[in-house]
Protein backbone atom coordinates (compact mmCIF):
# COMPACT_ATOMS: atom_id res chain seq x y z
CA MET A 1 0.24 0.10 0.15
CA ASN A 2 2.72 3.01 1.17
CA PHE A 3 3.73 1.93 -2.97
CA LEU A 4 0.45 3.48 -4.63
CA LEU A 5 1.01 6.03 -2.06
CA ILE A 6 3.79 6.84 -2.94
CA PHE A 7 3.58 6.33 -6.66
CA LEU A 8 -0.30 8.10 -6.93
CA GLY A 9 1.98 10.78 -4.84
CA GLY A 10 5.24 11.27 -6.92
CA GLY A 11 2.79 11.37 -10.01
CA LEU A 12 1.08 14.84 -8.27
CA GLY A 13 4.23 16.02 -7.13
CA SER A 14 5.81 15.45 -11.04
CA VAL A 15 2.31 17.19 -12.32
CA THR A 16 2.50 20.37 -9.94
CA ARG A 17 6.29 21.07 -10.67
CA PHE A 18 5.33 21.36 -14.72
CA VAL A 19 2.23 23.67 -14.38
CA ILE A 20 4.50 25.91 -12.45
CA SER A 21 7.11 25.60 -14.82
CA LEU A 22 4.19 25.79 -17.82
CA LEU A 23 3.14 29.01 -15.70
CA VAL A 24 6.44 31.22 -15.68
CA ALA A 25 7.26 29.87 -18.99
CA LYS A 26 5.05 32.17 -19.43
CA THR A 27 6.01 35.25 -17.80
CA ALA A 28 9.76 37.00 -18.56
CA LEU A 29 11.42 35.93 -15.09
CA HIS A 30 14.82 34.55 -16.23
CA THR A 31 15.17 30.70 -16.06
CA GLY A 32 15.72 28.65 -13.38
CA VAL A 33 12.11 30.57 -11.05
CA SER A 34 9.95 27.74 -11.61
CA THR A 35 12.76 25.31 -10.22
CA LEU A 36 12.63 28.08 -7.27
CA ILE A 37 8.97 28.18 -6.48
CA SER A 38 9.08 24.03 -7.17
CA ASN A 39 11.41 24.35 -4.22
CA LEU A 40 9.92 26.65 -2.47
CA VAL A 41 5.99 24.73 -2.49
CA ALA A 42 8.14 20.99 -1.50
CA CYS A 43 9.56 23.33 1.23
CA VAL A 44 6.26 24.87 2.67
CA ILE A 45 4.39 21.67 2.84
CA LEU A 46 7.53 19.48 3.84
CA ALA A 47 7.71 21.63 6.90
CA GLY A 48 4.43 22.06 7.66
CA VAL A 49 3.87 18.13 7.59
CA ILE A 50 6.64 17.46 9.46
CA PHE A 51 5.61 19.73 11.75
CA LEU A 52 2.76 19.09 12.06
CA PHE A 53 3.88 14.74 13.00
CA GLN A 54 6.03 16.07 15.28
CA GLN A 55 4.17 18.62 17.68
CA LYS A 56 0.00 17.80 17.25
CA ASN A 57 0.39 14.68 15.76
CA LEU A 58 -3.02 15.84 13.10
CA VAL A 59 -1.08 14.04 10.58
CA PRO A 60 -1.72 9.71 10.53
CA ASP A 61 1.61 8.12 9.09
CA THR A 62 0.74 6.42 6.45
CA TYR A 63 -0.24 9.95 4.90
CA LYS A 64 3.86 10.79 5.49
CA TYR A 65 3.96 8.33 2.27
CA PHE A 66 1.75 10.34 0.14
CA ILE A 67 2.66 13.73 0.81
CA LEU A 68 6.99 13.39 2.53
CA ILE A 69 8.25 10.99 -0.01
CA GLY A 70 5.37 11.08 -2.87
CA ILE A 71 4.06 14.59 -3.94
CA CYS A 72 7.70 16.47 -2.30
CA GLY A 73 9.98 13.70 -4.30
CA GLY A 74 8.27 14.56 -7.33
CA LEU A 75 7.66 18.57 -6.76
CA SER A 76 11.45 19.18 -5.81
CA THR A 77 14.03 19.60 -8.22
CA PHE A 78 16.86 19.37 -7.31
CA SER A 79 18.98 18.11 -9.97
CA THR A 80 16.93 20.37 -12.20
CA PHE A 81 18.17 23.12 -9.98
CA SER A 82 22.00 21.99 -10.11
CA TYR A 83 21.76 21.54 -13.28
CA GLU A 84 20.62 25.23 -13.81
CA THR A 85 23.36 26.73 -11.77
CA PHE A 86 25.93 24.87 -13.26
CA GLU A 87 24.59 26.17 -17.02
CA LEU A 88 24.60 30.20 -15.58
CA LEU A 89 28.53 28.95 -14.43
CA LYS A 90 29.79 27.64 -17.75
CA GLN A 91 27.67 30.85 -19.27
CA GLY A 92 29.93 33.01 -16.93
CA MET A 93 27.36 34.07 -15.14
CA ILE A 94 28.47 33.80 -11.60
CA ALA A 95 26.74 36.26 -9.79
CA TRP A 96 23.74 34.92 -10.76
CA ALA A 97 24.19 31.25 -10.40
CA VAL A 98 25.49 32.17 -6.80
CA ALA A 99 22.34 34.36 -6.38
CA ASN A 100 20.67 31.46 -7.60
CA ILE A 101 22.19 29.35 -4.82
CA VAL A 102 21.93 31.05 -1.64
CA ILE A 103 18.78 32.50 -2.74
CA SER A 104 16.66 28.62 -3.19
CA CYS A 105 18.80 27.95 -0.30
CA GLY A 106 18.64 30.17 2.07
CA LEU A 107 14.61 30.54 1.26
CA CYS A 108 14.29 26.73 2.17
CA LEU A 109 16.17 26.57 5.11
CA ALA A 110 14.19 30.02 6.07
CA ILE A 111 10.56 28.19 5.62
CA PHE A 112 11.82 25.28 7.91
CA TYR A 113 13.00 27.71 10.44
CA ALA A 114 9.54 29.32 9.84
CA PHE A 115 8.42 26.32 10.68
CA SER A 116 9.66 24.81 13.19
CA LYS A 117 8.53 28.13 15.74
């Protein structure tokens, strides 16, 4: 049963990531923004569920497979983040690459910090 929950959640997370990329593609934003948004959304979901598990036990354990492993796993995009950062470096856009790393990691860590309070 856990495999099915992970499979369904992963599909939902991947489709959500794809929709985010389609929406951002219609804007004039720089490459990497859809990845940042996807990772931030995944961090909000992950942090919220983790802290609900630990502090209030509001979410049943079986949902962690669907939400944490499935949805967040399908939605978060560390490999894409790494590739886009590499491409920025390869194109000589050092400041953008560093900004991408600092902003992405900093905001995701800030989300976990905010949920931990």
